[in-house]
Amino acid sequence: EPTYLRHEVTPVFGLVRDLGNLMGLALASPL
């Protein structure tokens, strides 16, 4: 059922989520 698929689990979204988290850490640096 295609409606089971979510935007939140695509490879591109995973990269954007992780790079966003890293950018937040980078802006908080030096940790």
Full PDB file with SEQRES, HELIX, SHEET, SSBOND, CRYST1, ORIGX, SCALE, CONECT and MASTER records, all heavy atoms in Angstrom:
SEQRES   1 A   31  GLU PRO THR TYR LEU ARG HIS GLU VAL THR PRO VAL PHE          
SEQRES   2 A   31  GLY LEU VAL ARG ASP LEU GLY ASN LEU MET GLY LEU ALA          
SEQRES   3 A   31  LEU ALA SER PRO LEU                                          
HELIX    1 AA1 PRO A    2  TYR A    4  5                                   3    
HELIX    2 AA2 HIS A    7  VAL A    9  5                                   3    
HELIX    3 AA3 PRO A   11  ALA A   28  1                                  18    
CRYST1    1.000    1.000    1.000  90.00  90.00  90.00 P 1           1          
ORIGX1      1.000000  0.000000  0.000000        0.00000                         
ORIGX2      0.000000  1.000000  0.000000        0.00000                         
ORIGX3      0.000000  0.000000  1.000000        0.00000                         
SCALE1      1.000000  0.000000  0.000000        0.00000                         
SCALE2      0.000000  1.000000  0.000000        0.00000                         
SCALE3      0.000000  0.000000  1.000000        0.00000                         
ATOM      1  N   GLU A   1       0.853  -1.186   0.000  1.00  0.00           N  
ATOM      2  CA  GLU A   1       0.000   0.000   0.000  1.00  0.00           C  
ATOM      3  C   GLU A   1       0.893   1.242   0.000  1.00  0.00           C  
ATOM      4  O   GLU A   1       1.550   1.533   1.002  1.00  0.00           O  
ATOM      5  CB  GLU A   1      -0.914   0.003   1.232  1.00  0.00           C  
ATOM      6  CG  GLU A   1      -1.792   1.234   1.353  1.00  0.00           C  
ATOM      7  CD  GLU A   1      -2.647   1.485   0.116  1.00  0.00           C  
ATOM      8  OE1 GLU A   1      -3.394   0.556  -0.289  1.00  0.00           O  
ATOM      9  OE2 GLU A   1      -2.541   2.591  -0.454  1.00  0.00           O  
ATOM     10  N   PRO A   2       0.940   2.003  -1.116  1.00  0.00           N  
ATOM     11  CA  PRO A   2       1.838   3.169  -1.213  1.00  0.00           C  
ATOM     12  C   PRO A   2       1.621   4.210  -0.119  1.00  0.00           C  
ATOM     13  O   PRO A   2       2.548   4.945   0.232  1.00  0.00           O  
ATOM     14  CB  PRO A   2       1.515   3.749  -2.592  1.00  0.00           C  
ATOM     15  CG  PRO A   2       0.973   2.593  -3.375  1.00  0.00           C  
ATOM     16  CD  PRO A   2       0.235   1.750  -2.376  1.00  0.00           C  
ATOM     17  N   THR A   3       0.404   4.278   0.443  1.00  0.00           N  
ATOM     18  CA  THR A   3       0.149   5.279   1.496  1.00  0.00           C  
ATOM     19  C   THR A   3       0.894   4.946   2.780  1.00  0.00           C  
ATOM     20  O   THR A   3       0.982   5.791   3.676  1.00  0.00           O  
ATOM     21  CB  THR A   3      -1.363   5.369   1.789  1.00  0.00           C  
ATOM     22  OG1 THR A   3      -1.861   4.078   2.163  1.00  0.00           O  
ATOM     23  CG2 THR A   3      -2.111   5.872   0.574  1.00  0.00           C  
ATOM     24  N   TYR A   4       1.443   3.710   2.892  1.00  0.00           N  
ATOM     25  CA  TYR A   4       2.220   3.355   4.070  1.00  0.00           C  
ATOM     26  C   TYR A   4       3.580   4.072   4.087  1.00  0.00           C  
ATOM     27  O   TYR A   4       4.189   4.217   5.143  1.00  0.00           O  
ATOM     28  CB  TYR A   4       2.474   1.846   4.111  1.00  0.00           C  
ATOM     29  CG  TYR A   4       1.259   0.998   4.382  1.00  0.00           C  
ATOM     30  CD1 TYR A   4       1.268  -0.371   4.107  1.00  0.00           C  
ATOM     31  CD2 TYR A   4       0.097   1.543   4.921  1.00  0.00           C  
ATOM     32  CE1 TYR A   4       0.153  -1.170   4.364  1.00  0.00           C  
ATOM     33  CE2 TYR A   4      -1.026   0.755   5.174  1.00  0.00           C  
ATOM     34  CZ  TYR A   4      -0.978  -0.602   4.894  1.00  0.00           C  
ATOM     35  OH  TYR A   4      -2.076  -1.385   5.153  1.00  0.00           O  
ATOM     36  N   LEU A   5       4.055   4.480   2.917  1.00  0.00           N  
ATOM     37  CA  LEU A   5       5.374   5.094   2.805  1.00  0.00           C  
ATOM     38  C   LEU A   5       5.355   6.519   3.357  1.00  0.00           C  
ATOM     39  O   LEU A   5       4.390   7.256   3.159  1.00  0.00           O  
ATOM     40  CB  LEU A   5       5.833   5.098   1.351  1.00  0.00           C  
ATOM     41  CG  LEU A   5       5.957   3.711   0.711  1.00  0.00           C  
ATOM     42  CD1 LEU A   5       6.198   3.835  -0.774  1.00  0.00           C  
ATOM     43  CD2 LEU A   5       7.090   2.923   1.364  1.00  0.00           C  
ATOM     44  N   ARG A   6       6.448   6.912   4.005  1.00  0.00           N  
ATOM     45  CA  ARG A   6       6.529   8.226   4.639  1.00  0.00           C  
ATOM     46  C   ARG A   6       7.716   9.010   4.094  1.00  0.00           C  
ATOM     47  O   ARG A   6       8.772   8.440   3.806  1.00  0.00           O  
ATOM     48  CB  ARG A   6       6.679   8.082   6.153  1.00  0.00           C  
ATOM     49  CG  ARG A   6       5.502   7.397   6.853  1.00  0.00           C  
ATOM     50  CD  ARG A   6       5.810   7.250   8.339  1.00  0.00           C  
ATOM     51  NE  ARG A   6       6.932   6.356   8.571  1.00  0.00           N  
ATOM     52  CZ  ARG A   6       7.769   6.452   9.592  1.00  0.00           C  
ATOM     53  NH1 ARG A   6       7.640   7.436  10.464  1.00  0.00           N  
ATOM     54  NH2 ARG A   6       8.752   5.596   9.736  1.00  0.00           N  
ATOM     55  N   HIS A   7       7.547  10.331   3.987  1.00  0.00           N  
ATOM     56  CA  HIS A   7       8.647  11.200   3.566  1.00  0.00           C  
ATOM     57  C   HIS A   7       9.808  11.114   4.559  1.00  0.00           C  
ATOM     58  O   HIS A   7      10.973  11.278   4.184  1.00  0.00           O  
ATOM     59  CB  HIS A   7       8.166  12.659   3.488  1.00  0.00           C  
ATOM     60  CG  HIS A   7       7.126  12.914   2.445  1.00  0.00           C  
ATOM     61  ND1 HIS A   7       7.433  12.990   1.111  1.00  0.00           N  
ATOM     62  CD2 HIS A   7       5.780  13.100   2.540  1.00  0.00           C  
ATOM     63  CE1 HIS A   7       6.323  13.228   0.415  1.00  0.00           C  
ATOM     64  NE2 HIS A   7       5.307  13.300   1.260  1.00  0.00           N  
ATOM     65  N   GLU A   8       9.479  10.881   5.827  1.00  0.00           N  
ATOM     66  CA  GLU A   8      10.475  10.966   6.890  1.00  0.00           C  
ATOM     67  C   GLU A   8      11.495   9.836   6.875  1.00  0.00           C  
ATOM     68  O   GLU A   8      12.429   9.855   7.678  1.00  0.00           O  
ATOM     69  CB  GLU A   8       9.784  10.986   8.259  1.00  0.00           C  
ATOM     70  CG  GLU A   8       8.920  12.210   8.496  1.00  0.00           C  
ATOM     71  CD  GLU A   8       7.518  12.071   7.938  1.00  0.00           C  
ATOM     72  OE1 GLU A   8       7.263  11.071   7.234  1.00  0.00           O  
ATOM     73  OE2 GLU A   8       6.687  12.943   8.200  1.00  0.00           O  
ATOM     74  N   VAL A   9      11.313   8.831   6.013  1.00  0.00           N  
ATOM     75  CA  VAL A   9      12.240   7.705   6.018  1.00  0.00           C  
ATOM     76  C   VAL A   9      13.008   7.573   4.701  1.00  0.00           C  
ATOM     77  O   VAL A   9      13.683   6.569   4.471  1.00  0.00           O  
ATOM     78  CB  VAL A   9      11.494   6.381   6.317  1.00  0.00           C  
ATOM     79  CG1 VAL A   9      10.946   6.386   7.727  1.00  0.00           C  
ATOM     80  CG2 VAL A   9      10.362   6.134   5.315  1.00  0.00           C  
ATOM     81  N   THR A  10      12.926   8.580   3.836  1.00  0.00           N  
ATOM     82  CA  THR A  10      13.670   8.530   2.577  1.00  0.00           C  
ATOM     83  C   THR A  10      15.152   8.814   2.821  1.00  0.00           C  
ATOM     84  O   THR A  10      15.513   9.447   3.817  1.00  0.00           O  
ATOM     85  CB  THR A  10      13.114   9.553   1.573  1.00  0.00           C  
ATOM     86  OG1 THR A  10      13.239  10.864   2.138  1.00  0.00           O  
ATOM     87  CG2 THR A  10      11.657   9.278   1.263  1.00  0.00           C  
ATOM     88  N   PRO A  11      16.039   8.364   1.935  1.00  0.00           N  
ATOM     89  CA  PRO A  11      17.476   8.609   2.121  1.00  0.00           C  
ATOM     90  C   PRO A  11      17.832  10.090   2.183  1.00  0.00           C  
ATOM     91  O   PRO A  11      18.665  10.503   2.991  1.00  0.00           O  
ATOM     92  CB  PRO A  11      18.112   7.942   0.890  1.00  0.00           C  
ATOM     93  CG  PRO A  11      17.102   6.980   0.391  1.00  0.00           C  
ATOM     94  CD  PRO A  11      15.767   7.537   0.736  1.00  0.00           C  
ATOM     95  N   VAL A  12      17.184  10.901   1.333  1.00  0.00           N  
ATOM     96  CA  VAL A  12      17.478  12.337   1.312  1.00  0.00           C  
ATOM     97  C   VAL A  12      17.053  12.979   2.624  1.00  0.00           C  
ATOM     98  O   VAL A  12      17.775  13.807   3.200  1.00  0.00           O  
ATOM     99  CB  VAL A  12      16.785  13.019   0.112  1.00  0.00           C  
ATOM    100  CG1 VAL A  12      16.973  14.527   0.176  1.00  0.00           C  
ATOM    101  CG2 VAL A  12      17.342  12.476  -1.197  1.00  0.00           C  
ATOM    102  N   PHE A  13      15.881  12.596   3.118  1.00  0.00           N  
ATOM    103  CA  PHE A  13      15.420  13.153   4.388  1.00  0.00           C  
ATOM    104  C   PHE A  13      16.363  12.771   5.523  1.00  0.00           C  
ATOM    105  O   PHE A  13      16.663  13.589   6.400  1.00  0.00           O  
ATOM    106  CB  PHE A  13      14.007  12.670   4.711  1.00  0.00           C  
ATOM    107  CG  PHE A  13      13.491  13.206   6.025  1.00  0.00           C  
ATOM    108  CD1 PHE A  13      12.819  14.417   6.071  1.00  0.00           C  
ATOM    109  CD2 PHE A  13      13.697  12.517   7.204  1.00  0.00           C  
ATOM    110  CE1 PHE A  13      12.360  14.926   7.284  1.00  0.00           C  
ATOM    111  CE2 PHE A  13      13.236  13.006   8.412  1.00  0.00           C  
ATOM    112  CZ  PHE A  13      12.567  14.218   8.452  1.00  0.00           C  
ATOM    113  N   GLY A  14      16.840  11.506   5.520  1.00  0.00           N  
ATOM    114  CA  GLY A  14      17.786  11.077   6.548  1.00  0.00           C  
ATOM    115  C   GLY A  14      19.046  11.921   6.548  1.00  0.00           C  
ATOM    116  O   GLY A  14      19.547  12.323   7.613  1.00  0.00           O  
ATOM    117  N   LEU A  15      19.561  12.223   5.357  1.00  0.00           N  
ATOM    118  CA  LEU A  15      20.750  13.073   5.260  1.00  0.00           C  
ATOM    119  C   LEU A  15      20.471  14.485   5.754  1.00  0.00           C  
ATOM    120  O   LEU A  15      21.276  15.066   6.489  1.00  0.00           O  
ATOM    121  CB  LEU A  15      21.232  13.119   3.806  1.00  0.00           C  
ATOM    122  CG  LEU A  15      22.052  11.928   3.304  1.00  0.00           C  
ATOM    123  CD1 LEU A  15      22.219  12.009   1.797  1.00  0.00           C  
ATOM    124  CD2 LEU A  15      23.416  11.889   3.982  1.00  0.00           C  
ATOM    125  N   VAL A  16      19.326  15.037   5.363  1.00  0.00           N  
ATOM    126  CA  VAL A  16      18.973  16.397   5.786  1.00  0.00           C  
ATOM    127  C   VAL A  16      18.811  16.457   7.298  1.00  0.00           C  
ATOM    128  O   VAL A  16      19.275  17.398   7.950  1.00  0.00           O  
ATOM    129  CB  VAL A  16      17.683  16.852   5.069  1.00  0.00           C  
ATOM    130  CG1 VAL A  16      17.145  18.135   5.686  1.00  0.00           C  
ATOM    131  CG2 VAL A  16      17.956  17.065   3.582  1.00  0.00           C  
ATOM    132  N   ARG A  17      18.148  15.459   7.877  1.00  0.00           N  
ATOM    133  CA  ARG A  17      17.977  15.414   9.332  1.00  0.00           C  
ATOM    134  C   ARG A  17      19.324  15.368  10.047  1.00  0.00           C  
ATOM    135  O   ARG A  17      19.580  16.133  10.984  1.00  0.00           O  
ATOM    136  CB  ARG A  17      17.160  14.178   9.711  1.00  0.00           C  
ATOM    137  CG  ARG A  17      16.965  13.979  11.213  1.00  0.00           C  
ATOM    138  CD  ARG A  17      16.585  12.546  11.520  1.00  0.00           C  
ATOM    139  NE  ARG A  17      17.661  11.624  11.192  1.00  0.00           N  
ATOM    140  CZ  ARG A  17      17.497  10.336  10.920  1.00  0.00           C  
ATOM    141  NH1 ARG A  17      16.283   9.820  10.920  1.00  0.00           N  
ATOM    142  NH2 ARG A  17      18.539   9.571  10.641  1.00  0.00           N  
ATOM    143  N   ASP A  18      20.205  14.486   9.587  1.00  0.00           N  
ATOM    144  CA  ASP A  18      21.501  14.317  10.258  1.00  0.00           C  
ATOM    145  C   ASP A  18      22.397  15.537  10.071  1.00  0.00           C  
ATOM    146  O   ASP A  18      23.076  15.965  11.004  1.00  0.00           O  
ATOM    147  CB  ASP A  18      22.205  13.065   9.734  1.00  0.00           C  
ATOM    148  CG  ASP A  18      21.455  11.794  10.127  1.00  0.00           C  
ATOM    149  OD1 ASP A  18      20.802  11.799  11.185  1.00  0.00           O  
ATOM    150  OD2 ASP A  18      21.523  10.810   9.377  1.00  0.00           O  
ATOM    151  N   LEU A  19      22.396  16.109   8.861  1.00  0.00           N  
ATOM    152  CA  LEU A  19      23.199  17.310   8.632  1.00  0.00           C  
ATOM    153  C   LEU A  19      22.637  18.497   9.404  1.00  0.00           C  
ATOM    154  O   LEU A  19      23.397  19.363   9.859  1.00  0.00           O  
ATOM    155  CB  LEU A  19      23.260  17.620   7.134  1.00  0.00           C  
ATOM    156  CG  LEU A  19      24.056  16.623   6.276  1.00  0.00           C  
ATOM    157  CD1 LEU A  19      23.954  16.974   4.802  1.00  0.00           C  
ATOM    158  CD2 LEU A  19      25.527  16.590   6.708  1.00  0.00           C  
ATOM    159  N   GLY A  20      21.317  18.540   9.577  1.00  0.00           N  
ATOM    160  CA  GLY A  20      20.721  19.584  10.410  1.00  0.00           C  
ATOM    161  C   GLY A  20      21.166  19.458  11.859  1.00  0.00           C  
ATOM    162  O   GLY A  20      21.521  20.457  12.504  1.00  0.00           O  
ATOM    163  N   ASN A  21      21.148  18.242  12.382  1.00  0.00           N  
ATOM    164  CA  ASN A  21      21.619  18.020  13.749  1.00  0.00           C  
ATOM    165  C   ASN A  21      23.096  18.405  13.901  1.00  0.00           C  
ATOM    166  O   ASN A  21      23.491  19.019  14.896  1.00  0.00           O  
ATOM    167  CB  ASN A  21      21.429  16.555  14.143  1.00  0.00           C  
ATOM    168  CG  ASN A  21      19.980  16.206  14.403  1.00  0.00           C  
ATOM    169  OD1 ASN A  21      19.192  17.048  14.830  1.00  0.00           O  
ATOM    170  ND2 ASN A  21      19.602  14.971  14.143  1.00  0.00           N  
ATOM    171  N   LEU A  22      23.894  18.040  12.900  1.00  0.00           N  
ATOM    172  CA  LEU A  22      25.318  18.396  12.944  1.00  0.00           C  
ATOM    173  C   LEU A  22      25.527  19.903  12.836  1.00  0.00           C  
ATOM    174  O   LEU A  22      26.429  20.448  13.479  1.00  0.00           O  
ATOM    175  CB  LEU A  22      26.074  17.683  11.814  1.00  0.00           C  
ATOM    176  CG  LEU A  22      26.288  16.180  11.967  1.00  0.00           C  
ATOM    177  CD1 LEU A  22      27.119  15.650  10.798  1.00  0.00           C  
ATOM    178  CD2 LEU A  22      26.979  15.837  13.281  1.00  0.00           C  
ATOM    179  N   MET A  23      24.695  20.578  12.046  1.00  0.00           N  
ATOM    180  CA  MET A  23      24.832  22.027  11.931  1.00  0.00           C  
ATOM    181  C   MET A  23      24.522  22.696  13.273  1.00  0.00           C  
ATOM    182  O   MET A  23      25.197  23.670  13.668  1.00  0.00           O  
ATOM    183  CB  MET A  23      23.902  22.559  10.842  1.00  0.00           C  
ATOM    184  CG  MET A  23      23.990  24.073  10.633  1.00  0.00           C  
ATOM    185  SD  MET A  23      25.687  24.637  10.207  1.00  0.00           S  
ATOM    186  CE  MET A  23      25.775  24.127   8.484  1.00  0.00           C  
ATOM    187  N   GLY A  24      23.523  22.194  13.974  1.00  0.00           N  
ATOM    188  CA  GLY A  24      23.231  22.721  15.303  1.00  0.00           C  
ATOM    189  C   GLY A  24      24.405  22.537  16.253  1.00  0.00           C  
ATOM    190  O   GLY A  24      24.762  23.453  17.013  1.00  0.00           O  
ATOM    191  N   LEU A  25      25.022  21.368  16.202  1.00  0.00           N  
ATOM    192  CA  LEU A  25      26.208  21.112  17.031  1.00  0.00           C  
ATOM    193  C   LEU A  25      27.360  22.013  16.616  1.00  0.00           C  
ATOM    194  O   LEU A  25      28.117  22.505  17.469  1.00  0.00           O  
ATOM    195  CB  LEU A  25      26.621  19.642  16.911  1.00  0.00           C  
ATOM    196  CG  LEU A  25      25.719  18.612  17.594  1.00  0.00           C  
ATOM    197  CD1 LEU A  25      26.122  17.197  17.199  1.00  0.00           C  
ATOM    198  CD2 LEU A  25      25.792  18.770  19.112  1.00  0.00           C  
ATOM    199  N   ALA A  26      27.510  22.210  15.302  1.00  0.00           N  
ATOM    200  CA  ALA A  26      28.591  23.066  14.801  1.00  0.00           C  
ATOM    201  C   ALA A  26      28.408  24.505  15.279  1.00  0.00           C  
ATOM    202  O   ALA A  26      29.371  25.170  15.680  1.00  0.00           O  
ATOM    203  CB  ALA A  26      28.631  23.015  13.272  1.00  0.00           C  
ATOM    204  N   LEU A  27      27.169  25.006  15.253  1.00  0.00           N  
ATOM    205  CA  LEU A  27      26.900  26.377  15.708  1.00  0.00           C  
ATOM    206  C   LEU A  27      27.091  26.520  17.214  1.00  0.00           C  
ATOM    207  O   LEU A  27      27.340  27.623  17.717  1.00  0.00           O  
ATOM    208  CB  LEU A  27      25.482  26.788  15.322  1.00  0.00           C  
ATOM    209  CG  LEU A  27      25.219  26.917  13.812  1.00  0.00           C  
ATOM    210  CD1 LEU A  27      23.746  27.153  13.543  1.00  0.00           C  
ATOM    211  CD2 LEU A  27      26.056  28.056  13.226  1.00  0.00           C  
ATOM    212  N   ALA A  28      26.987  25.409  17.946  1.00  0.00           N  
ATOM    213  CA  ALA A  28      27.204  25.424  19.397  1.00  0.00           C  
ATOM    214  C   ALA A  28      28.671  25.238  19.770  1.00  0.00           C  
ATOM    215  O   ALA A  28      29.018  25.336  20.946  1.00  0.00           O  
ATOM    216  CB  ALA A  28      26.370  24.333  20.054  1.00  0.00           C  
ATOM    217  N   SER A  29      29.510  24.965  18.784  1.00  0.00           N  
ATOM    218  CA  SER A  29      30.933  24.718  19.037  1.00  0.00           C  
ATOM    219  C   SER A  29      31.662  25.998  19.476  1.00  0.00           C  
ATOM    220  O   SER A  29      31.203  27.115  19.173  1.00  0.00           O  
ATOM    221  CB  SER A  29      31.590  24.158  17.765  1.00  0.00           C  
ATOM    222  OG  SER A  29      31.027  22.914  17.440  1.00  0.00           O  
ATOM    223  N   PRO A  30      32.800  25.806  20.193  1.00  0.00           N  
ATOM    224  CA  PRO A  30      33.379  24.551  20.676  1.00  0.00           C  
ATOM    225  C   PRO A  30      32.574  23.951  21.816  1.00  0.00           C  
ATOM    226  O   PRO A  30      32.178  24.657  22.747  1.00  0.00           O  
ATOM    227  CB  PRO A  30      34.781  24.956  21.128  1.00  0.00           C  
ATOM    228  CG  PRO A  30      34.671  26.410  21.459  1.00  0.00           C  
ATOM    229  CD  PRO A  30      33.633  26.979  20.538  1.00  0.00           C  
ATOM    230  N   LEU A  31      32.340  22.654  21.744  1.00  0.00           N  
ATOM    231  CA  LEU A  31      31.419  21.993  22.659  1.00  0.00           C  
ATOM    232  C   LEU A  31      31.952  21.890  24.081  1.00  0.00           C  
ATOM    233  O   LEU A  31      31.169  21.729  25.022  1.00  0.00           O  
ATOM    234  CB  LEU A  31      31.080  20.596  22.123  1.00  0.00           C  
ATOM    235  CG  LEU A  31      30.317  20.572  20.785  1.00  0.00           C  
ATOM    236  CD1 LEU A  31      30.094  19.145  20.328  1.00  0.00           C  
ATOM    237  CD2 LEU A  31      28.986  21.296  20.897  1.00  0.00           C  
TER     238      LEU A  31                                                      
MASTER        0    0    0    3    0    0    0    6  237    1    0    3          
END                                                                             
